[in-house]
Amino acid sequence: MTIVGMERRRDGSKTLIVFDPMFHDSSNVTKLVDQVFSHKEPEEALKAYRRGLKYLVKYNEFEILKYYGYFH
């Protein structure tokens, strides 16, 4: 599982946005690859990638990688 972002919701709760190899990307997302598009409800497009505390407590540990360089 790779964490690619974090959301703070209006109610104060937080979720992580992740790419998880245990799950396949939905066809609703893959059909948009290499396309220019707009979405009426962008938060719905991220629904499959959100993970909350209930999901994350299943794991005992995580590995953290941090990049200290610059992108060129």
N, C-alpha and C. Protein backbone atom coordinates (compact mmCIF):
# COMPACT_ATOMS: atom_id res chain seq x y z
N MET A 1 0.85 -1.16 0.00
CA MET A 1 0.00 0.00 0.00
C MET A 1 0.91 1.23 0.00
N THR A 2 0.63 2.16 -0.89
CA THR A 2 1.41 3.39 -0.97
C THR A 2 0.49 4.56 -0.66
N ILE A 3 0.84 5.33 0.33
CA ILE A 3 0.05 6.51 0.70
C ILE A 3 0.47 7.65 -0.22
N VAL A 4 -0.51 8.23 -0.90
CA VAL A 4 -0.21 9.32 -1.83
C VAL A 4 -0.81 10.65 -1.40
N GLY A 5 -1.59 10.65 -0.34
CA GLY A 5 -2.17 11.90 0.13
C GLY A 5 -2.99 11.71 1.38
N MET A 6 -3.46 12.82 1.92
CA MET A 6 -4.30 12.80 3.10
C MET A 6 -5.42 13.81 2.91
N GLU A 7 -6.60 13.48 3.38
CA GLU A 7 -7.73 14.41 3.33
C GLU A 7 -8.15 14.77 4.75
N ARG A 8 -8.45 16.02 4.94
CA ARG A 8 -9.08 16.45 6.18
C ARG A 8 -10.48 16.89 5.78
N ARG A 9 -11.46 16.22 6.33
CA ARG A 9 -12.83 16.49 5.95
C ARG A 9 -13.42 17.63 6.77
N ARG A 10 -14.54 18.13 6.33
CA ARG A 10 -15.17 19.27 7.01
C ARG A 10 -15.55 18.95 8.44
N ASP A 11 -15.85 17.67 8.71
CA ASP A 11 -16.21 17.30 10.08
C ASP A 11 -15.00 17.06 10.97
N GLY A 12 -13.78 17.27 10.42
CA GLY A 12 -12.55 17.11 11.19
C GLY A 12 -11.91 15.74 11.05
N SER A 13 -12.62 14.78 10.51
CA SER A 13 -12.05 13.44 10.34
C SER A 13 -10.99 13.47 9.23
N LYS A 14 -10.12 12.49 9.26
CA LYS A 14 -9.03 12.41 8.28
C LYS A 14 -9.04 11.04 7.63
N THR A 15 -8.69 11.00 6.37
CA THR A 15 -8.52 9.74 5.65
C THR A 15 -7.25 9.84 4.83
N LEU A 16 -6.68 8.69 4.54
CA LEU A 16 -5.51 8.63 3.67
C LEU A 16 -5.97 8.24 2.28
N ILE A 17 -5.29 8.77 1.27
CA ILE A 17 -5.51 8.37 -0.11
C ILE A 17 -4.36 7.42 -0.45
N VAL A 18 -4.71 6.20 -0.85
CA VAL A 18 -3.69 5.17 -1.05
C VAL A 18 -3.86 4.44 -2.37
N PHE A 19 -2.76 3.91 -2.87
CA PHE A 19 -2.78 2.93 -3.94
C PHE A 19 -2.49 1.60 -3.25
N ASP A 20 -3.41 0.69 -3.32
CA ASP A 20 -3.31 -0.59 -2.61
C ASP A 20 -3.32 -1.73 -3.63
N PRO A 21 -2.23 -2.47 -3.78
CA PRO A 21 -2.17 -3.54 -4.77
C PRO A 21 -3.14 -4.69 -4.48
N MET A 22 -3.73 -4.71 -3.29
CA MET A 22 -4.73 -5.75 -3.00
C MET A 22 -6.03 -5.51 -3.78
N PHE A 23 -6.22 -4.29 -4.28
CA PHE A 23 -7.44 -3.92 -4.98
C PHE A 23 -7.11 -3.44 -6.39
N HIS A 24 -7.93 -3.78 -7.33
CA HIS A 24 -7.76 -3.31 -8.71
C HIS A 24 -8.43 -1.95 -8.85
N ASP A 25 -7.89 -1.12 -9.74
CA ASP A 25 -8.52 0.17 -10.02
C ASP A 25 -9.86 -0.08 -10.70
N SER A 26 -10.85 0.72 -10.35
CA SER A 26 -12.17 0.55 -10.95
C SER A 26 -12.13 0.98 -12.40
N SER A 27 -13.02 0.43 -13.19
CA SER A 27 -13.09 0.80 -14.60
C SER A 27 -13.49 2.26 -14.76
N ASN A 28 -14.20 2.80 -13.77
CA ASN A 28 -14.56 4.22 -13.81
C ASN A 28 -13.33 5.11 -13.75
N VAL A 29 -12.26 4.63 -13.15
CA VAL A 29 -11.02 5.41 -13.07
C VAL A 29 -10.11 5.09 -14.25
N THR A 30 -9.93 3.82 -14.57
CA THR A 30 -9.00 3.46 -15.64
C THR A 30 -9.44 3.98 -17.00
N LYS A 31 -10.72 4.16 -17.22
CA LYS A 31 -11.16 4.68 -18.52
C LYS A 31 -10.78 6.15 -18.69
N LEU A 32 -10.40 6.82 -17.61
CA LEU A 32 -10.02 8.23 -17.68
C LEU A 32 -8.53 8.46 -17.92
N VAL A 33 -7.73 7.38 -17.90
CA VAL A 33 -6.29 7.51 -18.10
C VAL A 33 -6.03 8.10 -19.48
N ASP A 34 -5.15 9.07 -19.54
CA ASP A 34 -4.78 9.78 -20.78
C ASP A 34 -5.93 10.56 -21.40
N GLN A 35 -6.95 10.87 -20.62
CA GLN A 35 -8.09 11.65 -21.10
C GLN A 35 -8.14 12.99 -20.38
N VAL A 36 -8.63 13.99 -21.07
CA VAL A 36 -8.93 15.27 -20.43
C VAL A 36 -10.39 15.17 -20.03
N PHE A 37 -10.69 15.43 -18.76
CA PHE A 37 -12.06 15.26 -18.30
C PHE A 37 -12.35 16.20 -17.15
N SER A 38 -13.61 16.37 -16.87
CA SER A 38 -14.04 17.05 -15.66
C SER A 38 -15.03 16.11 -14.99
N HIS A 39 -15.16 16.24 -13.71
CA HIS A 39 -16.01 15.32 -12.94
C HIS A 39 -16.98 16.14 -12.11
N LYS A 40 -18.26 15.81 -12.18
CA LYS A 40 -19.27 16.55 -11.42
C LYS A 40 -19.00 16.48 -9.92
N GLU A 41 -18.55 15.31 -9.46
CA GLU A 41 -18.29 15.10 -8.04
C GLU A 41 -16.92 14.44 -7.89
N PRO A 42 -15.82 15.23 -7.91
CA PRO A 42 -14.48 14.64 -7.86
C PRO A 42 -14.23 13.80 -6.62
N GLU A 43 -14.90 14.13 -5.51
CA GLU A 43 -14.70 13.34 -4.29
C GLU A 43 -15.16 11.90 -4.48
N GLU A 44 -16.11 11.67 -5.36
CA GLU A 44 -16.57 10.31 -5.63
C GLU A 44 -15.52 9.51 -6.39
N ALA A 45 -14.73 10.17 -7.22
CA ALA A 45 -13.68 9.49 -7.98
C ALA A 45 -12.61 8.93 -7.04
N LEU A 46 -12.43 9.56 -5.88
CA LEU A 46 -11.41 9.11 -4.92
C LEU A 46 -11.93 8.08 -3.93
N LYS A 47 -13.19 7.81 -3.95
CA LYS A 47 -13.80 6.93 -2.95
C LYS A 47 -13.08 5.59 -2.81
N ALA A 48 -12.71 4.98 -3.92
CA ALA A 48 -12.06 3.67 -3.88
C ALA A 48 -10.64 3.72 -3.31
N TYR A 49 -10.07 4.91 -3.19
CA TYR A 49 -8.69 5.06 -2.74
C TYR A 49 -8.59 5.58 -1.30
N ARG A 50 -9.70 5.80 -0.65
CA ARG A 50 -9.69 6.31 0.72
C ARG A 50 -9.56 5.15 1.72
N ARG A 51 -8.75 5.38 2.74
CA ARG A 51 -8.62 4.41 3.82
C ARG A 51 -8.67 5.17 5.14
N GLY A 52 -9.54 4.72 6.02
CA GLY A 52 -9.69 5.34 7.32
C GLY A 52 -9.02 4.51 8.40
N LEU A 53 -9.20 4.94 9.62
CA LEU A 53 -8.58 4.29 10.76
C LEU A 53 -9.01 2.84 10.91
N LYS A 54 -10.27 2.53 10.65
CA LYS A 54 -10.76 1.16 10.79
C LYS A 54 -9.98 0.19 9.90
N TYR A 55 -9.61 0.63 8.72
CA TYR A 55 -8.85 -0.21 7.80
C TYR A 55 -7.39 -0.30 8.23
N LEU A 56 -6.82 0.81 8.63
CA LEU A 56 -5.38 0.85 8.92
C LEU A 56 -4.99 0.13 10.20
N VAL A 57 -5.89 0.01 11.17
CA VAL A 57 -5.53 -0.66 12.42
C VAL A 57 -5.36 -2.16 12.24
N LYS A 58 -5.68 -2.69 11.08
CA LYS A 58 -5.47 -4.12 10.80
C LYS A 58 -3.98 -4.46 10.73
N TYR A 59 -3.15 -3.46 10.51
CA TYR A 59 -1.73 -3.68 10.29
C TYR A 59 -0.94 -3.29 11.53
N ASN A 60 0.09 -4.10 11.84
CA ASN A 60 0.91 -3.85 13.02
C ASN A 60 1.98 -2.80 12.80
N GLU A 61 2.46 -2.67 11.55
CA GLU A 61 3.54 -1.73 11.30
C GLU A 61 3.51 -1.28 9.85
N PHE A 62 4.16 -0.15 9.61
CA PHE A 62 4.29 0.42 8.28
C PHE A 62 5.74 0.82 8.08
N GLU A 63 6.18 0.80 6.85
CA GLU A 63 7.51 1.28 6.50
C GLU A 63 7.34 2.68 5.92
N ILE A 64 8.16 3.61 6.38
CA ILE A 64 8.07 4.98 5.90
C ILE A 64 9.32 5.30 5.10
N LEU A 65 9.12 5.78 3.88
CA LEU A 65 10.22 6.21 3.03
C LEU A 65 10.08 7.70 2.82
N LYS A 66 11.20 8.41 2.89
CA LYS A 66 11.17 9.85 2.71
C LYS A 66 12.27 10.24 1.73
N TYR A 67 11.90 11.06 0.76
CA TYR A 67 12.84 11.50 -0.25
C TYR A 67 13.41 12.86 0.14
N TYR A 68 14.73 13.00 0.19
CA TYR A 68 15.37 14.24 0.62
C TYR A 68 16.05 14.99 -0.52
N GLY A 69 15.74 14.68 -1.75
CA GLY A 69 16.38 15.35 -2.88
C GLY A 69 15.42 16.25 -3.60
N TYR A 70 15.83 16.68 -4.75
CA TYR A 70 15.01 17.55 -5.59
C TYR A 70 14.71 16.84 -6.89
N PHE A 71 13.55 17.10 -7.42
CA PHE A 71 13.20 16.58 -8.73
C PHE A 71 13.69 17.57 -9.77
N HIS A 72 14.23 17.07 -10.85
CA HIS A 72 14.73 17.96 -11.93
C HIS A 72 13.77 17.97 -13.07
